Amino acid sequence: MNENINWTAAYIYLLAKKCTKSTKLMEFQLKFLHRRVPTNNFLFRIGLQGDENCSFCHTSSESIIHLFWSCHQTSHFWNKLTEWLKHLNFLLILPRDYALTNITALGLRPGISQFVLLINYWYCFLLARYHIWLGKTKDDHPNLMHFICILKSQYEIETKCGDTKKWKPVTGCIRI
């Protein structure tokens, strides 16, 4: 990782509240930012887990950075997600030359000007982190197709509740 991670920047604690009304996602993000998402490394150190290896690759110690960014299974998922968002280029979600960084994927940097409100790019990455977490807890690798199903489900819930602004650019692509 080439970039220093600042876990204490004030704006990162407001991003989840700005991009979702889901208390489940806000709670997850708060635990994530406070590094209270229990990884195998932590559970092993306190004697609740017999192995500290990653739930996905089973070869490296499962720290929060490894689980959500460095693991080859997670990296593959982030690459697939980024490519999918780039292929929706006619919607201007992400430019073709966009390169996802760890601090962006982990939600530790504010949005990039013109893309902030489109599909609510932060929401997409927050939901992706939550998808990775659910995969760990269910012993299932992060998968783009499953993630898109979750995104569609969230779209249905939020648009029925009247939260349509962030979904406008992708309505035709994810409508069920």
C-alpha atoms as a PDB file:
ATOM      1  CA  MET A   1       0.000   0.000   0.000  1.00  0.00           C
ATOM      2  CA  ASN A   2       1.502   3.239  -1.148  1.00  0.00           C
ATOM      3  CA  GLU A   3      -0.831   5.602   0.632  1.00  0.00           C
ATOM      4  CA  ASN A   4      -0.953   6.392   4.330  1.00  0.00           C
ATOM      5  CA  ILE A   5      -4.304   5.658   5.863  1.00  0.00           C
ATOM      6  CA  ASN A   6      -5.833   8.333   8.056  1.00  0.00           C
ATOM      7  CA  TRP A   7      -8.489   6.588  10.138  1.00  0.00           C
ATOM      8  CA  THR A   8      -9.251   9.751  12.121  1.00  0.00           C
ATOM      9  CA  ALA A   9     -10.239  12.310   9.469  1.00  0.00           C
ATOM     10  CA  ALA A  10     -13.565  13.831  10.563  1.00  0.00           C
ATOM     11  CA  TYR A  11     -15.251  13.705   7.134  1.00  0.00           C
ATOM     12  CA  ILE A  12     -15.002   9.907   6.866  1.00  0.00           C
ATOM     13  CA  TYR A  13     -17.402   9.542   9.774  1.00  0.00           C
ATOM     14  CA  LEU A  14     -20.061  11.557   7.939  1.00  0.00           C
ATOM     15  CA  LEU A  15     -19.918   9.766   4.588  1.00  0.00           C
ATOM     16  CA  ALA A  16     -22.171   6.826   5.508  1.00  0.00           C
ATOM     17  CA  LYS A  17     -24.842   9.129   6.885  1.00  0.00           C
ATOM     18  CA  LYS A  18     -24.736  11.227   3.711  1.00  0.00           C
ATOM     19  CA  CYS A  19     -25.085   8.289   1.341  1.00  0.00           C
ATOM     20  CA  THR A  20     -27.558   5.928   3.035  1.00  0.00           C
ATOM     21  CA  LYS A  21     -30.426   5.752   5.449  1.00  0.00           C
ATOM     22  CA  SER A  22     -29.665   2.118   6.255  1.00  0.00           C
ATOM     23  CA  THR A  23     -28.813   1.859   9.931  1.00  0.00           C
ATOM     24  CA  LYS A  24     -27.240  -1.547   9.220  1.00  0.00           C
ATOM     25  CA  LEU A  25     -24.755   0.036   6.788  1.00  0.00           C
ATOM     26  CA  MET A  26     -24.088   3.030   9.050  1.00  0.00           C
ATOM     27  CA  GLU A  27     -23.403   0.711  11.993  1.00  0.00           C
ATOM     28  CA  PHE A  28     -21.083  -1.434   9.880  1.00  0.00           C
ATOM     29  CA  GLN A  29     -19.181   1.651   8.651  1.00  0.00           C
ATOM     30  CA  LEU A  30     -18.783   2.972  12.188  1.00  0.00           C
ATOM     31  CA  LYS A  31     -17.408  -0.379  13.380  1.00  0.00           C
ATOM     32  CA  PHE A  32     -15.166  -0.516  10.310  1.00  0.00           C
ATOM     33  CA  LEU A  33     -13.763   2.993  10.881  1.00  0.00           C
ATOM     34  CA  HIS A  34     -13.096   2.250  14.540  1.00  0.00           C
ATOM     35  CA  ARG A  35     -11.482  -1.015  13.414  1.00  0.00           C
ATOM     36  CA  ARG A  36     -13.936  -3.016  15.512  1.00  0.00           C
ATOM     37  CA  VAL A  37     -14.866  -5.431  12.734  1.00  0.00           C
ATOM     38  CA  PRO A  38     -13.565  -8.686  14.212  1.00  0.00           C
ATOM     39  CA  THR A  39     -10.933 -10.177  11.935  1.00  0.00           C
ATOM     40  CA  ASN A  40      -9.436 -13.628  12.391  1.00  0.00           C
ATOM     41  CA  ASN A  41      -6.165 -12.019  13.490  1.00  0.00           C
ATOM     42  CA  PHE A  42      -7.923 -10.280  16.398  1.00  0.00           C
ATOM     43  CA  LEU A  43     -10.085 -13.298  17.275  1.00  0.00           C
ATOM     44  CA  PHE A  44      -6.971 -15.501  17.304  1.00  0.00           C
ATOM     45  CA  ARG A  45      -5.110 -13.085  19.610  1.00  0.00           C
ATOM     46  CA  ILE A  46      -7.949 -13.131  22.164  1.00  0.00           C
ATOM     47  CA  GLY A  47      -8.313 -16.909  21.985  1.00  0.00           C
ATOM     48  CA  LEU A  48     -11.684 -17.125  20.204  1.00  0.00           C
ATOM     49  CA  GLN A  49     -10.300 -18.433  16.919  1.00  0.00           C
ATOM     50  CA  GLY A  50      -7.855 -21.278  16.383  1.00  0.00           C
ATOM     51  CA  ASP A  51      -6.394 -19.769  13.220  1.00  0.00           C
ATOM     52  CA  GLU A  52      -5.565 -16.191  12.224  1.00  0.00           C
ATOM     53  CA  ASN A  53      -5.509 -16.860   8.475  1.00  0.00           C
ATOM     54  CA  CYS A  54      -7.785 -15.045   6.080  1.00  0.00           C
ATOM     55  CA  SER A  55     -11.288 -16.452   5.608  1.00  0.00           C
ATOM     56  CA  PHE A  56     -10.891 -16.130   1.828  1.00  0.00           C
ATOM     57  CA  CYS A  57      -7.297 -16.988   0.864  1.00  0.00           C
ATOM     58  CA  HIS A  58      -6.357 -18.999   3.973  1.00  0.00           C
ATOM     59  CA  THR A  59      -2.689 -18.041   3.489  1.00  0.00           C
ATOM     60  CA  SER A  60      -2.177 -14.612   5.110  1.00  0.00           C
ATOM     61  CA  SER A  61      -3.048 -13.216   8.501  1.00  0.00           C
ATOM     62  CA  GLU A  62      -6.501 -11.641   8.316  1.00  0.00           C
ATOM     63  CA  SER A  63      -6.077  -8.007   9.326  1.00  0.00           C
ATOM     64  CA  ILE A  64      -8.678  -5.413   8.419  1.00  0.00           C
ATOM     65  CA  ILE A  65      -6.510  -4.126   5.540  1.00  0.00           C
ATOM     66  CA  HIS A  66      -5.845  -7.621   4.249  1.00  0.00           C
ATOM     67  CA  LEU A  67      -9.493  -8.679   4.434  1.00  0.00           C
ATOM     68  CA  PHE A  68     -10.924  -5.569   2.765  1.00  0.00           C
ATOM     69  CA  TRP A  69      -8.116  -4.747   0.319  1.00  0.00           C
ATOM     70  CA  SER A  70      -4.993  -6.919   0.052  1.00  0.00           C
ATOM     71  CA  CYS A  71      -6.397 -10.447  -0.136  1.00  0.00           C
ATOM     72  CA  HIS A  72      -6.272 -11.710  -3.722  1.00  0.00           C
ATOM     73  CA  GLN A  73      -9.978 -12.675  -3.507  1.00  0.00           C
ATOM     74  CA  THR A  74     -10.915  -9.179  -2.345  1.00  0.00           C
ATOM     75  CA  SER A  75      -8.604  -7.501  -4.872  1.00  0.00           C
ATOM     76  CA  HIS A  76     -10.222  -9.521  -7.630  1.00  0.00           C
ATOM     77  CA  PHE A  77     -13.667  -8.381  -6.447  1.00  0.00           C
ATOM     78  CA  TRP A  78     -12.589  -4.691  -6.336  1.00  0.00           C
ATOM     79  CA  ASN A  79     -11.145  -4.996  -9.855  1.00  0.00           C
ATOM     80  CA  LYS A  80     -14.358  -6.565 -11.181  1.00  0.00           C
ATOM     81  CA  LEU A  81     -16.497  -3.908  -9.478  1.00  0.00           C
ATOM     82  CA  THR A  82     -14.361  -1.069 -10.828  1.00  0.00           C
ATOM     83  CA  GLU A  83     -14.479  -2.525 -14.335  1.00  0.00           C
ATOM     84  CA  TRP A  84     -18.260  -2.909 -14.116  1.00  0.00           C
ATOM     85  CA  LEU A  85     -18.623   0.735 -13.054  1.00  0.00           C
ATOM     86  CA  LYS A  86     -16.295   1.827 -15.865  1.00  0.00           C
ATOM     87  CA  HIS A  87     -18.380  -0.095 -18.406  1.00  0.00           C
ATOM     88  CA  LEU A  88     -21.338   1.991 -17.337  1.00  0.00           C
ATOM     89  CA  ASN A  89     -19.264   4.874 -18.690  1.00  0.00           C
ATOM     90  CA  PHE A  90     -22.152   6.381 -20.630  1.00  0.00           C
ATOM     91  CA  LEU A  91     -23.591   7.113 -17.171  1.00  0.00           C
ATOM     92  CA  LEU A  92     -20.363   8.856 -16.098  1.00  0.00           C
ATOM     93  CA  ILE A  93     -20.066   6.798 -12.934  1.00  0.00           C
ATOM     94  CA  LEU A  94     -16.315   6.271 -13.273  1.00  0.00           C
ATOM     95  CA  PRO A  95     -14.020   7.422 -16.069  1.00  0.00           C
ATOM     96  CA  ARG A  96     -12.238   4.744 -18.129  1.00  0.00           C
ATOM     97  CA  ASP A  97      -8.851   5.752 -16.683  1.00  0.00           C
ATOM     98  CA  TYR A  98     -10.038   5.583 -13.054  1.00  0.00           C
ATOM     99  CA  ALA A  99      -7.777   3.602 -10.723  1.00  0.00           C
ATOM    100  CA  LEU A 100      -9.259   2.529  -7.417  1.00  0.00           C
ATOM    101  CA  THR A 101      -6.984   3.085  -4.433  1.00  0.00           C
ATOM    102  CA  ASN A 102      -7.108   1.510  -1.012  1.00  0.00           C
ATOM    103  CA  ILE A 103      -8.195   4.697   0.746  1.00  0.00           C
ATOM    104  CA  THR A 104     -11.070   5.155  -1.685  1.00  0.00           C
ATOM    105  CA  ALA A 105     -12.219   1.525  -1.488  1.00  0.00           C
ATOM    106  CA  LEU A 106     -12.012   1.674   2.300  1.00  0.00           C
ATOM    107  CA  GLY A 107     -14.028   4.912   2.391  1.00  0.00           C
ATOM    108  CA  LEU A 108     -11.214   6.989   3.864  1.00  0.00           C
ATOM    109  CA  ARG A 109     -11.139   9.823   1.337  1.00  0.00           C
ATOM    110  CA  PRO A 110     -13.857  12.239   0.254  1.00  0.00           C
ATOM    111  CA  GLY A 111     -15.449  11.868  -3.160  1.00  0.00           C
ATOM    112  CA  ILE A 112     -14.024  12.866  -6.492  1.00  0.00           C
ATOM    113  CA  SER A 113     -15.858  15.987  -7.620  1.00  0.00           C
ATOM    114  CA  GLN A 114     -18.144  15.106 -10.535  1.00  0.00           C
ATOM    115  CA  PHE A 115     -18.738  11.489  -9.485  1.00  0.00           C
ATOM    116  CA  VAL A 116     -19.765  12.008  -5.855  1.00  0.00           C
ATOM    117  CA  LEU A 117     -23.540  12.016  -6.323  1.00  0.00           C
ATOM    118  CA  LEU A 118     -23.816   9.708  -9.308  1.00  0.00           C
ATOM    119  CA  ILE A 119     -25.155   6.369  -7.998  1.00  0.00           C
ATOM    120  CA  ASN A 120     -23.628   7.747  -4.893  1.00  0.00           C
ATOM    121  CA  TYR A 121     -20.257   6.280  -5.585  1.00  0.00           C
ATOM    122  CA  TRP A 122     -19.504   6.196  -1.858  1.00  0.00           C
ATOM    123  CA  TYR A 123     -22.632   4.190  -1.277  1.00  0.00           C
ATOM    124  CA  CYS A 124     -21.506   1.665  -3.846  1.00  0.00           C
ATOM    125  CA  PHE A 125     -18.129   1.239  -2.137  1.00  0.00           C
ATOM    126  CA  LEU A 126     -19.734   1.113   1.324  1.00  0.00           C
ATOM    127  CA  LEU A 127     -22.074  -1.603   0.120  1.00  0.00           C
ATOM    128  CA  ALA A 128     -19.083  -3.400  -1.432  1.00  0.00           C
ATOM    129  CA  ARG A 129     -17.252  -3.390   1.917  1.00  0.00           C
ATOM    130  CA  TYR A 130     -20.373  -4.721   3.596  1.00  0.00           C
ATOM    131  CA  HIS A 131     -20.641  -7.410   0.896  1.00  0.00           C
ATOM    132  CA  ILE A 132     -17.045  -8.462   1.619  1.00  0.00           C
ATOM    133  CA  TRP A 133     -17.872  -8.609   5.333  1.00  0.00           C
ATOM    134  CA  LEU A 134     -20.992 -10.709   4.741  1.00  0.00           C
ATOM    135  CA  GLY A 135     -18.931 -13.037   2.562  1.00  0.00           C
ATOM    136  CA  LYS A 136     -16.458 -13.528   5.409  1.00  0.00           C
ATOM    137  CA  THR A 137     -19.195 -14.270   7.909  1.00  0.00           C
ATOM    138  CA  LYS A 138     -20.892 -16.722   5.531  1.00  0.00           C
ATOM    139  CA  ASP A 139     -17.623 -18.276   4.316  1.00  0.00           C
ATOM    140  CA  ASP A 140     -18.331 -17.091   0.768  1.00  0.00           C
ATOM    141  CA  HIS A 141     -15.926 -15.187  -1.485  1.00  0.00           C
ATOM    142  CA  PRO A 142     -16.956 -11.697  -2.638  1.00  0.00           C
ATOM    143  CA  ASN A 143     -18.655 -12.014  -6.006  1.00  0.00           C
ATOM    144  CA  LEU A 144     -19.623  -9.238  -8.425  1.00  0.00           C
ATOM    145  CA  MET A 145     -22.851 -10.866  -9.597  1.00  0.00           C
ATOM    146  CA  HIS A 146     -24.027 -11.367  -6.024  1.00  0.00           C
ATOM    147  CA  PHE A 147     -23.049  -7.774  -5.241  1.00  0.00           C
ATOM    148  CA  ILE A 148     -25.105  -6.486  -8.186  1.00  0.00           C
ATOM    149  CA  CYS A 149     -28.108  -8.436  -6.835  1.00  0.00           C
ATOM    150  CA  ILE A 150     -27.626  -6.744  -3.455  1.00  0.00           C
ATOM    151  CA  LEU A 151     -27.329  -3.372  -5.199  1.00  0.00           C
ATOM    152  CA  LYS A 152     -30.577  -4.049  -7.076  1.00  0.00           C
ATOM    153  CA  SER A 153     -32.278  -4.972  -3.830  1.00  0.00           C
ATOM    154  CA  GLN A 154     -31.096  -1.755  -2.184  1.00  0.00           C
ATOM    155  CA  TYR A 155     -32.267   0.172  -5.253  1.00  0.00           C
ATOM    156  CA  GLU A 156     -35.761  -1.296  -4.867  1.00  0.00           C
ATOM    157  CA  ILE A 157     -35.920  -0.504  -1.160  1.00  0.00           C
ATOM    158  CA  GLU A 158     -34.595   3.037  -1.422  1.00  0.00           C
ATOM    159  CA  THR A 159     -36.557   4.106  -4.484  1.00  0.00           C
ATOM    160  CA  LYS A 160     -39.786   2.857  -2.865  1.00  0.00           C
ATOM    161  CA  CYS A 161     -38.903   5.002   0.152  1.00  0.00           C
ATOM    162  CA  GLY A 162     -38.516   8.042  -2.099  1.00  0.00           C
ATOM    163  CA  ASP A 163     -34.706   8.226  -2.152  1.00  0.00           C
ATOM    164  CA  THR A 164     -34.296   8.444  -5.933  1.00  0.00           C
ATOM    165  CA  LYS A 165     -31.696  11.178  -6.571  1.00  0.00           C
ATOM    166  CA  LYS A 166     -28.579   9.023  -6.242  1.00  0.00           C
ATOM    167  CA  TRP A 167     -30.136   6.228  -8.317  1.00  0.00           C
ATOM    168  CA  LYS A 168     -31.214   8.339 -11.307  1.00  0.00           C
ATOM    169  CA  PRO A 169     -28.068   7.760 -13.384  1.00  0.00           C
ATOM    170  CA  VAL A 170     -28.296   3.974 -13.151  1.00  0.00           C
ATOM    171  CA  THR A 171     -32.023   3.358 -13.129  1.00  0.00           C
ATOM    172  CA  GLY A 172     -32.005   1.692 -16.543  1.00  0.00           C
ATOM    173  CA  CYS A 173     -29.067  -0.566 -15.681  1.00  0.00           C
ATOM    174  CA  ILE A 174     -30.172  -2.006 -12.371  1.00  0.00           C
ATOM    175  CA  ARG A 175     -33.941  -1.888 -12.465  1.00  0.00           C
ATOM    176  CA  ILE A 176     -35.401  -5.301 -11.739  1.00  0.00           C
END
